[in-house]
């Protein structure tokens, strides 16, 4: 047995003995008429001793409870001080939380998921239990929730007469090429941009990228589910979101062009980066109706179904060649901005005050006049231009130096009007400063407009 004192147990024992002694002192004379006086005295003594013990232990526990009370007060006092000192911050936090909850209720927002992965089970269950409509946007190329996993449920719902609409990406569009460049490595993007497309190439490197592969996979799988395939259209515009409208619930995930820096580099898909928002249809709340309207506008303005998509895919080589012939200047600009080395990235984008674009029309008759040496240099080609600068190709750079003032001379082309407007703009400015001179097989000179103050200085 433990040798440690047990005050509480002893107090209980004293109470028991005290009650027992009192009971015997009262009850014994009733059954034992000739009880000796000594026994009565012993019972009284026992009662008195036990009473003293009880009083002693009562005071002992009173001391203990007093100490406990003091300890609790000492513990709680700093907590109260902390609460009082941070009361304003706590009240502000509670107000903010209440405001967020109230705003979410006003918008019809019922849940927020960190990623599409967290919605997977909810989505699959919602599709299986749908009773009215199933509208899916961007599901073929989606992360986590995939069209392949939904074919059987969709086929069953269509057979039951549900309103099923599925919008998938048409990979043979300029917007799809742009997305491909965003989701490619630097080497793959360079190969896509630098491929010679003077002739149609069925083995174009664009066809080996995920966006196109997912498009072909979706078309092939849809052939096995003709009911589902007849409810599919391919959109050509940028959808801006991943969206699923099931009955009166919408799961909405915004699209961005960026990826989290910590994302696995082996997965370059830009689709599943933002949180997923769940909206419920409610009276006097328009959010659900706005998302529904967004989907319907995408649906009615998309005129490519599975038959048209397969027809275009049969002619994919020519279509991709035409895309790059028409938009190559833009694709090259995107590639140059996205895949410059990091130490040159800022120089490539931020140090230019105005965006630069290539000259895409016939070359007008232009020349640079060097006032200091009275020399005229013929411009053979305009390479590119911005609001305040030109990059031109000439035959001879002799006499040209950085910071030199030159005059632009020539005539504007009458057509097209865009080229006419641009050249009128520069010929009206007339005076430029040389900011870059590159000698080589094709000498290039960069000139920039000078400010009004600089013109006045030159005139003085």
Protein backbone atom coordinates (compact mmCIF):
# COMPACT_ATOMS: atom_id res chain seq x y z
CA UNK A 1 0.00 0.00 0.00
CA UNK A 2 1.11 3.54 -0.57
CA UNK A 3 2.55 5.31 2.43
CA UNK A 4 1.31 8.70 1.25
CA UNK A 5 -1.36 10.35 3.44
CA UNK A 6 -4.91 10.38 2.15
CA UNK A 7 -6.68 13.26 3.92
CA UNK A 8 -9.86 12.91 1.96
CA UNK A 9 -10.14 9.15 2.69
CA UNK A 10 -9.44 9.74 6.38
CA UNK A 11 -12.13 12.39 6.55
CA UNK A 12 -14.65 9.97 5.04
CA UNK A 13 -13.59 7.31 7.57
CA UNK A 14 -13.99 9.80 10.45
CA UNK A 15 -17.46 10.73 9.22
CA UNK A 16 -18.46 7.08 9.03
CA UNK A 17 -17.16 6.33 12.53
CA UNK A 18 -18.84 9.47 13.94
CA UNK A 19 -22.22 8.48 12.47
CA UNK A 20 -21.78 4.91 13.65
CA UNK A 21 -20.95 6.04 17.21
CA UNK A 22 -23.93 8.40 17.32
CA UNK A 23 -26.23 5.69 15.99
CA UNK A 24 -25.01 3.17 18.58
CA UNK A 25 -25.32 5.70 21.40
CA UNK A 26 -28.96 6.32 20.46
CA UNK A 27 -30.05 2.82 19.46
CA UNK A 28 -28.25 0.58 22.00
CA UNK A 29 -30.34 1.69 25.06
CA UNK A 30 -33.50 0.73 23.17
CA UNK A 31 -32.43 -2.90 22.85
CA UNK A 32 -29.97 -3.20 25.76
CA UNK A 33 -31.70 -1.85 28.86
CA UNK A 34 -28.89 -2.57 31.30
CA UNK A 35 -26.12 -1.16 29.15
CA UNK A 36 -23.03 -0.35 31.22
CA UNK A 37 -22.25 3.33 31.67
CA UNK A 38 -18.68 2.73 30.50
CA UNK A 39 -19.90 1.84 27.01
CA UNK A 40 -21.97 5.01 26.82
CA UNK A 41 -18.94 7.02 27.85
CA UNK A 42 -16.77 5.26 25.26
CA UNK A 43 -19.31 6.03 22.51
CA UNK A 44 -19.40 9.69 23.56
CA UNK A 45 -15.62 9.84 23.54
CA UNK A 46 -15.56 8.23 20.09
CA UNK A 47 -18.13 10.76 18.82
CA UNK A 48 -16.09 13.64 20.22
CA UNK A 49 -12.83 12.35 18.72
CA UNK A 50 -14.38 11.77 15.32
CA UNK A 51 -16.04 15.21 15.42
CA UNK A 52 -12.66 16.80 16.15
CA UNK A 53 -11.14 14.89 13.21
CA UNK A 54 -13.95 16.00 10.92
CA UNK A 55 -13.53 19.65 11.92
CA UNK A 56 -9.76 19.34 11.50
CA UNK A 57 -10.09 17.85 7.99
CA UNK A 58 -12.78 20.40 7.06
CA UNK A 59 -10.39 23.23 7.87
CA UNK A 60 -7.65 21.35 6.02
CA UNK A 61 -9.75 21.14 2.84
CA UNK A 62 -10.82 24.74 3.24
CA UNK A 63 -7.14 25.66 3.06
CA UNK A 64 -6.67 23.45 0.01
CA UNK A 65 -9.63 24.98 -1.81
CA UNK A 66 -8.35 28.41 -0.91
CA UNK A 67 -4.98 27.61 -2.44
CA UNK A 68 -6.68 26.19 -5.54
CA UNK A 69 -8.77 29.34 -5.84
CA UNK A 70 -5.63 31.50 -5.61
CA UNK A 71 -3.89 29.41 -8.24
CA UNK A 72 -6.87 29.67 -10.60
CA UNK A 73 -7.07 33.42 -10.09
CA UNK A 74 -3.35 33.77 -10.83
CA UNK A 75 -3.78 31.67 -13.99
CA UNK A 76 -6.88 33.43 -15.26
CA UNK A 77 -5.64 36.97 -14.57
CA UNK A 78 -3.06 37.02 -17.45
CA UNK A 79 -5.66 35.49 -19.75
CA UNK A 80 -8.13 38.25 -18.90
CA UNK A 81 -5.42 40.84 -19.39
CA UNK A 82 -4.56 39.32 -22.80
CA UNK A 83 -8.22 39.31 -23.84
CA UNK A 84 -8.68 42.90 -22.69
CA UNK A 85 -5.56 44.10 -24.46
CA UNK A 86 -6.58 42.36 -27.70
CA UNK A 87 -10.30 42.99 -27.42
CA UNK A 88 -10.29 45.40 -30.38
CA UNK A 89 -8.43 42.95 -32.60
CA UNK A 90 -10.75 40.09 -31.59
CA UNK A 91 -13.86 42.17 -32.18
CA UNK A 92 -12.51 43.26 -35.59
CA UNK A 93 -11.75 39.64 -36.51
CA UNK A 94 -15.25 38.55 -35.50
CA UNK A 95 -16.80 41.40 -37.49
CA UNK A 96 -14.72 40.40 -40.53
CA UNK A 97 -15.78 36.76 -40.17
CA UNK A 98 -19.41 37.75 -39.87
CA UNK A 99 -19.05 40.03 -42.87
CA UNK A 100 -17.51 37.22 -44.95
CA UNK A 101 -20.28 34.85 -43.95
CA UNK A 102 -22.91 37.45 -44.74
CA UNK A 103 -21.36 38.29 -48.13
CA UNK A 104 -21.10 34.61 -49.03
CA UNK A 105 -24.77 34.15 -48.20
CA UNK A 106 -25.70 37.16 -50.34
CA UNK A 107 -23.75 35.71 -53.31
CA UNK A 108 -25.20 32.22 -52.89
CA UNK A 109 -21.75 30.81 -52.04
CA UNK A 110 -22.14 27.65 -49.98
CA UNK A 111 -18.62 26.20 -50.01
CA UNK A 112 -15.02 26.84 -51.10
CA UNK A 113 -12.61 24.02 -51.98
CA UNK A 114 -8.85 24.55 -52.02
CA UNK A 115 -8.52 22.63 -55.28
CA UNK A 116 -10.48 20.48 -57.70
CA UNK A 117 -9.16 17.38 -55.94
CA UNK A 118 -11.30 18.23 -52.90
CA UNK A 119 -14.45 18.29 -55.05
CA UNK A 120 -13.94 14.98 -56.83
CA UNK A 121 -16.24 12.81 -54.71
CA UNK A 122 -18.87 15.57 -54.49
CA UNK A 123 -18.87 16.00 -58.27
CA UNK A 124 -19.19 12.31 -59.06
CA UNK A 125 -22.03 11.91 -56.57
CA UNK A 126 -23.78 14.99 -57.95
CA UNK A 127 -23.57 13.63 -61.51
CA UNK A 128 -24.96 10.25 -60.43
CA UNK A 129 -27.83 11.87 -58.53
CA UNK A 130 -28.66 14.60 -61.08
CA UNK A 131 -32.37 15.00 -61.82
CA UNK A 132 -32.64 18.00 -64.13
CA UNK A 133 -29.48 19.07 -65.96
CA UNK A 134 -25.79 18.29 -66.39
CA UNK A 135 -23.74 21.07 -68.00
CA UNK A 136 -19.99 20.52 -68.14
CA UNK A 137 -17.41 23.05 -69.38
CA UNK A 138 -13.75 22.16 -69.94
CA UNK A 139 -14.08 18.70 -68.46
CA UNK A 140 -12.05 16.83 -71.12
CA UNK A 141 -8.78 18.56 -70.30
CA UNK A 142 -9.46 18.98 -66.60
CA UNK A 143 -7.27 17.88 -63.77
CA UNK A 144 -8.62 15.30 -61.28
CA UNK A 145 -12.27 15.24 -62.50
CA UNK A 146 -12.11 13.64 -65.95
CA UNK A 147 -14.61 12.98 -68.69
CA UNK A 148 -13.54 9.33 -68.98
CA UNK A 149 -14.85 8.66 -65.46
CA UNK A 150 -18.26 10.17 -66.26
CA UNK A 151 -19.18 8.53 -69.59
CA UNK A 152 -21.35 5.79 -68.12
CA UNK A 153 -23.25 8.14 -65.81
CA UNK A 154 -23.73 10.71 -68.60
CA UNK A 155 -24.98 8.05 -71.02
CA UNK A 156 -27.48 6.85 -68.40
CA UNK A 157 -28.71 10.39 -67.67
CA UNK A 158 -29.17 11.17 -71.37
CA UNK A 159 -31.22 7.99 -71.76
CA UNK A 160 -33.40 9.18 -68.86
CA UNK A 161 -34.05 12.48 -70.65
CA UNK A 162 -31.87 14.85 -68.64
CA UNK A 163 -30.57 18.07 -70.20
CA UNK A 164 -26.90 17.22 -70.84
CA UNK A 165 -24.53 19.71 -72.49
CA UNK A 166 -20.76 19.27 -72.69
CA UNK A 167 -18.34 21.94 -73.93
CA UNK A 168 -14.81 20.86 -74.84
CA UNK A 169 -11.80 22.74 -76.20
CA UNK A 170 -11.19 22.75 -79.96
CA UNK A 171 -7.42 22.26 -80.08
CA UNK A 172 -7.12 23.50 -83.68
CA UNK A 173 -7.56 27.17 -82.78
CA UNK A 174 -5.16 30.06 -82.10
CA UNK A 175 -6.26 30.17 -78.44
CA UNK A 176 -5.35 26.49 -78.08
CA UNK A 177 -1.88 27.14 -79.54
CA UNK A 178 -1.43 29.93 -77.00
CA UNK A 179 -2.42 27.58 -74.17
CA UNK A 180 -0.04 24.96 -75.54
CA UNK A 181 2.84 27.45 -75.35
CA UNK A 182 1.88 28.20 -71.73
CA UNK A 183 1.90 24.49 -70.85
CA UNK A 184 5.08 23.52 -72.71
CA UNK A 185 8.69 23.45 -71.61
CA UNK A 186 11.07 25.98 -73.15
CA UNK A 187 12.57 23.40 -75.53
CA UNK A 188 9.16 22.13 -76.67
CA UNK A 189 7.84 25.67 -77.22
CA UNK A 190 10.97 26.58 -79.22
CA UNK A 191 10.51 23.51 -81.40
CA UNK A 192 6.84 24.44 -82.05
CA UNK A 193 7.73 28.03 -82.98
CA UNK A 194 10.76 27.25 -85.15
CA UNK A 195 9.21 24.42 -87.20
CA UNK A 196 9.30 25.09 -90.93
CA UNK A 197 5.69 25.15 -92.13
CA UNK A 198 6.21 26.21 -95.72
CA UNK A 199 4.58 22.88 -96.52
CA UNK A 200 1.92 20.92 -94.67
CA UNK A 201 3.42 18.57 -92.06
CA UNK A 202 1.25 15.82 -90.56
CA UNK A 203 3.97 15.28 -87.91
CA UNK A 204 3.99 18.85 -86.64
CA UNK A 205 5.45 19.03 -83.06
CA UNK A 206 2.26 20.78 -81.96
CA UNK A 207 0.48 17.42 -82.32
CA UNK A 208 2.67 15.89 -79.60
CA UNK A 209 1.56 18.30 -76.88
CA UNK A 210 -1.02 17.64 -74.19
CA UNK A 211 -3.72 20.06 -75.37
CA UNK A 212 -3.96 18.42 -78.79
CA UNK A 213 -3.53 14.87 -77.41
CA UNK A 214 -6.39 15.38 -74.95
CA UNK A 215 -8.57 16.72 -77.76
CA UNK A 216 -7.93 13.64 -79.92
CA UNK A 217 -8.43 11.30 -76.95
CA UNK A 218 -11.79 12.89 -76.16
CA UNK A 219 -12.95 12.54 -79.78
CA UNK A 220 -11.89 8.88 -79.88
CA UNK A 221 -13.66 8.05 -76.61
CA UNK A 222 -16.84 9.87 -77.66
CA UNK A 223 -17.20 7.52 -80.63
CA UNK A 224 -17.84 4.72 -78.13
CA UNK A 225 -20.65 6.72 -76.52
CA UNK A 226 -22.77 8.11 -79.38
CA UNK A 227 -25.45 9.41 -76.99
CA UNK A 228 -22.86 11.48 -75.15
CA UNK A 229 -21.14 12.53 -78.38
CA UNK A 230 -24.35 14.03 -79.74
CA UNK A 231 -24.47 16.37 -76.73
CA UNK A 232 -20.93 17.74 -77.15
CA UNK A 233 -19.74 20.99 -78.72
CA UNK A 234 -16.23 22.37 -79.06
CA UNK A 235 -15.65 26.00 -78.08
CA UNK A 236 -13.25 28.32 -79.87
CA UNK A 237 -13.19 31.23 -77.40
CA UNK A 238 -11.35 31.29 -74.10
CA UNK A 239 -13.84 29.91 -71.52
CA UNK A 240 -12.33 31.77 -68.52
CA UNK A 241 -13.35 28.99 -66.14
CA UNK A 242 -13.92 25.34 -65.39
CA UNK A 243 -17.64 24.98 -64.72
CA UNK A 244 -20.10 22.25 -63.78
CA UNK A 245 -23.80 23.04 -63.44
CA UNK A 246 -25.66 20.12 -61.91
CA UNK A 247 -29.37 20.78 -61.25
CA UNK A 248 -29.37 23.97 -59.12
CA UNK A 249 -25.71 23.82 -58.04
CA UNK A 250 -22.68 25.26 -59.85
CA UNK A 251 -19.03 24.42 -59.20
CA UNK A 252 -16.92 27.26 -60.61
CA UNK A 253 -13.12 27.52 -60.87
CA UNK A 254 -11.55 30.59 -62.53
CA UNK A 255 -8.83 30.08 -65.13
CA UNK A 256 -5.53 31.97 -64.99
CA UNK A 257 -2.42 31.98 -67.17
CA UNK A 258 -0.13 31.42 -64.20
CA UNK A 259 0.97 28.48 -62.10
CA UNK A 260 2.00 28.29 -58.47
CA UNK A 261 5.84 28.42 -58.16
CA UNK A 262 5.68 25.32 -55.98
CA UNK A 263 3.70 23.26 -58.49
CA UNK A 264 5.28 20.06 -59.78
CA UNK A 265 7.23 20.97 -62.91
CA UNK A 266 6.23 17.68 -64.55
CA UNK A 267 2.63 18.93 -64.68
CA UNK A 268 2.45 22.23 -66.56
CA UNK A 269 -1.34 22.32 -66.92
CA UNK A 270 -2.70 25.78 -66.05
CA UNK A 271 -6.26 24.63 -65.34
CA UNK A 272 -6.35 23.62 -61.67
CA UNK A 273 -4.68 26.46 -59.81
CA UNK A 274 -7.47 28.51 -58.25
CA UNK A 275 -9.97 27.42 -55.55
CA UNK A 276 -13.30 25.91 -56.57
CA UNK A 277 -16.40 27.85 -55.53
CA UNK A 278 -19.76 26.17 -55.00
CA UNK A 279 -22.84 28.29 -55.67
CA UNK A 280 -26.44 27.33 -54.98
CA UNK A 281 -29.45 28.71 -56.82
CA UNK A 282 -31.36 31.02 -54.49
CA UNK A 283 -34.17 33.53 -54.80
CA UNK A 284 -32.98 37.13 -55.30
CA UNK A 285 -29.35 35.94 -55.81
CA UNK A 286 -28.01 36.27 -59.36
CA UNK A 287 -24.64 34.48 -59.12
CA UNK A 288 -25.96 31.07 -60.15
CA UNK A 289 -27.96 32.62 -63.01
CA UNK A 290 -24.87 34.51 -64.22
CA UNK A 291 -22.82 31.29 -64.38
CA UNK A 292 -25.69 29.54 -66.12
CA UNK A 293 -25.91 32.37 -68.65
CA UNK A 294 -22.12 32.21 -69.19
CA UNK A 295 -22.39 28.52 -70.07
CA UNK A 296 -25.38 29.03 -72.37
CA UNK A 297 -23.64 31.83 -74.29
CA UNK A 298 -20.62 29.55 -74.78
CA UNK A 299 -22.95 26.79 -75.95
CA UNK A 300 -25.03 28.75 -78.48
CA UNK A 301 -22.00 30.54 -79.97
CA UNK A 302 -20.00 27.32 -80.46
CA UNK A 303 -20.89 25.75 -83.82
CA UNK A 304 -18.44 22.83 -83.89
CA UNK A 305 -19.84 19.47 -82.85
CA UNK A 306 -18.10 16.08 -82.81
CA UNK A 307 -18.63 15.58 -86.57
CA UNK A 308 -17.08 18.97 -87.40
CA UNK A 309 -14.24 18.40 -84.94
CA UNK A 310 -13.33 15.08 -86.56
CA UNK A 311 -13.56 16.70 -90.00
CA UNK A 312 -11.15 19.45 -88.96
CA UNK A 313 -8.83 16.94 -87.33
CA UNK A 314 -8.59 15.02 -90.62
CA UNK A 315 -7.18 18.22 -92.14
CA UNK A 316 -5.12 19.17 -89.09
CA UNK A 317 -1.85 19.72 -90.99
CA UNK A 318 -3.29 22.43 -93.24
CA UNK A 319 -5.24 24.05 -90.39
CA UNK A 320 -2.16 24.33 -88.15
CA UNK A 321 -0.11 25.69 -91.08
CA UNK A 322 -2.76 28.36 -91.68
CA UNK A 323 -2.85 29.20 -87.96
CA UNK A 324 0.89 29.81 -87.85
CA UNK A 325 0.89 31.68 -91.17
CA UNK A 326 -1.72 34.05 -89.80
CA UNK A 327 -0.59 34.40 -86.17
CA UNK A 328 3.12 33.53 -86.24
CA UNK A 329 4.14 37.09 -85.29
CA UNK A 330 2.01 36.79 -82.13
CA UNK A 331 3.17 33.25 -81.29
CA UNK A 332 6.81 34.33 -81.67
CA UNK A 333 6.23 37.28 -79.37
CA UNK A 334 4.58 35.02 -76.76
CA UNK A 335 7.47 32.57 -77.00
CA UNK A 336 10.07 35.30 -76.68
CA UNK A 337 8.44 36.76 -73.58
CA UNK A 338 7.72 33.46 -71.81
CA UNK A 339 11.00 31.66 -72.45
CA UNK A 340 13.72 34.31 -72.25
CA UNK A 341 16.44 33.46 -69.71
CA UNK A 342 15.52 34.79 -66.29
CA UNK A 343 18.28 37.41 -66.23
CA UNK A 344 16.96 38.84 -69.51
CA UNK A 345 13.26 38.52 -68.72
CA UNK A 346 12.95 41.99 -67.17
CA UNK A 347 14.92 43.52 -70.03
CA UNK A 348 12.63 41.83 -72.53
CA UNK A 349 9.39 43.07 -71.04
CA UNK A 350 9.68 45.86 -68.50
CA UNK A 351 12.33 48.22 -69.88
CA UNK A 352 10.28 49.02 -72.97
CA UNK A 353 7.73 51.64 -72.19
CA UNK A 354 5.46 50.67 -75.12
CA UNK A 355 4.69 47.27 -76.68
CA UNK A 356 6.51 46.42 -79.92
CA UNK A 357 4.95 44.73 -82.94
CA UNK A 358 6.37 43.49 -86.27
CA UNK A 359 5.70 45.35 -89.54
CA UNK A 360 3.38 43.11 -91.58
CA UNK A 361 2.77 45.14 -94.73
CA UNK A 362 4.66 46.14 -97.87
CA UNK A 363 7.68 48.34 -97.18
CA UNK A 364 7.06 52.08 -97.83
CA UNK A 365 9.64 54.35 -99.40
CA UNK A 366 11.62 55.73 -96.42
CA UNK A 367 15.08 57.05 -95.62
CA UNK A 368 17.08 58.48 -92.73
CA UNK A 369 18.70 61.88 -93.20
CA UNK A 370 21.85 62.63 -91.16
CA UNK A 371 21.91 66.40 -90.66
CA UNK A 372 25.45 66.58 -89.29
CA UNK A 373 27.03 64.97 -92.36
CA UNK A 374 24.30 65.77 -94.89
CA UNK A 375 23.85 62.10 -95.76
CA UNK A 376 20.73 60.15 -96.73
CA UNK A 377 20.48 56.42 -95.90
CA UNK A 378 17.80 54.30 -97.56
CA UNK A 379 15.66 52.08 -95.31
CA UNK A 380 15.21 48.69 -96.93
CA UNK A 381 12.96 47.06 -94.32
CA UNK A 382 10.97 48.09 -91.25
CA UNK A 383 11.52 45.26 -88.77
CA UNK A 384 9.15 46.34 -85.99
CA UNK A 385 7.68 49.40 -84.33
CA UNK A 386 6.13 50.73 -81.14
CA UNK A 387 4.46 53.98 -80.23
CA UNK A 388 7.76 55.84 -79.96
CA UNK A 389 10.38 53.79 -81.82
CA UNK A 390 11.29 51.99 -85.04
CA UNK A 391 13.73 49.18 -85.78
CA UNK A 392 14.80 49.40 -89.43
CA UNK A 393 17.16 47.50 -91.68
CA UNK A 394 19.58 49.45 -93.90
CA UNK A 395 22.43 48.60 -96.26
CA UNK A 396 25.18 50.73 -94.74
CA UNK A 397 25.54 51.99 -91.15
CA UNK A 398 28.58 54.20 -91.74
CA UNK A 399 28.11 57.60 -90.17
CA UNK A 400 25.52 56.35 -87.64
CA UNK A 401 26.20 56.47 -83.90
CA UNK A 402 24.20 56.12 -80.70
CA UNK A 403 22.48 59.33 -79.48
CA UNK A 404 22.72 60.82 -82.97
CA UNK A 405 19.71 62.85 -84.21
CA UNK A 406 18.29 61.76 -87.58
CA UNK A 407 15.28 62.79 -89.66
CA UNK A 408 12.79 60.31 -91.10
CA UNK A 409 11.81 61.08 -94.67
CA UNK A 410 9.46 59.40 -97.12
CA UNK A 411 5.80 58.88 -97.94
CA UNK A 412 3.02 56.92 -96.28
CA UNK A 413 1.44 53.99 -98.12
CA UNK A 414 -2.17 54.79 -99.06
CA UNK A 415 -3.29 51.31 -98.02
CA UNK A 416 -3.94 49.57 -95.77
CA UNK A 417 -5.24 52.26 -93.48
CA UNK A 418 -3.43 50.82 -90.45
CA UNK A 419 -0.03 51.11 -92.18
CA UNK A 420 -0.97 54.58 -93.43
CA UNK A 421 -1.87 55.69 -89.90
CA UNK A 422 1.41 54.35 -88.46
CA UNK A 423 3.66 56.02 -91.05
CA UNK A 424 1.77 59.32 -90.82
CA UNK A 425 2.42 59.18 -87.07
CA UNK A 426 6.20 58.78 -87.49
CA UNK A 427 6.59 61.18 -90.45
CA UNK A 428 4.79 63.85 -88.45
CA UNK A 429 7.27 63.39 -85.58
CA UNK A 430 10.13 63.46 -88.12
CA UNK A 431 13.11 63.72 -85.72
CA UNK A 432 14.51 60.63 -83.96
CA UNK A 433 17.45 59.67 -81.81
CA UNK A 434 19.56 56.63 -82.65
CA UNK A 435 19.46 54.23 -79.68
CA UNK A 436 20.89 51.06 -81.24
CA UNK A 437 23.23 50.26 -84.10
CA UNK A 438 23.90 46.60 -84.98
CA UNK A 439 26.31 45.77 -87.81
CA UNK A 440 26.12 42.46 -89.61
CA UNK A 441 24.86 40.85 -92.79
CA UNK A 442 21.66 42.82 -92.28
CA UNK A 443 22.57 46.04 -90.39
CA UNK A 444 19.80 47.16 -88.04
CA UNK A 445 19.24 50.62 -86.57
CA UNK A 446 16.88 51.39 -83.70
CA UNK A 447 15.56 54.95 -83.52
CA UNK A 448 13.36 56.56 -80.90
CA UNK A 449 11.26 59.70 -80.95
CA UNK A 450 12.66 62.66 -79.06
CA UNK A 451 10.62 64.77 -76.67
CA UNK A 452 9.46 68.33 -77.28
CA UNK A 453 12.16 69.59 -74.89
CA UNK A 454 14.85 67.70 -76.79
CA UNK A 455 13.55 69.16 -80.06
CA UNK A 456 13.74 72.65 -78.63
CA UNK A 457 17.32 72.01 -77.49
CA UNK A 458 18.21 70.86 -81.00
CA UNK A 459 16.63 73.95 -82.57
CA UNK A 460 18.55 76.22 -80.16
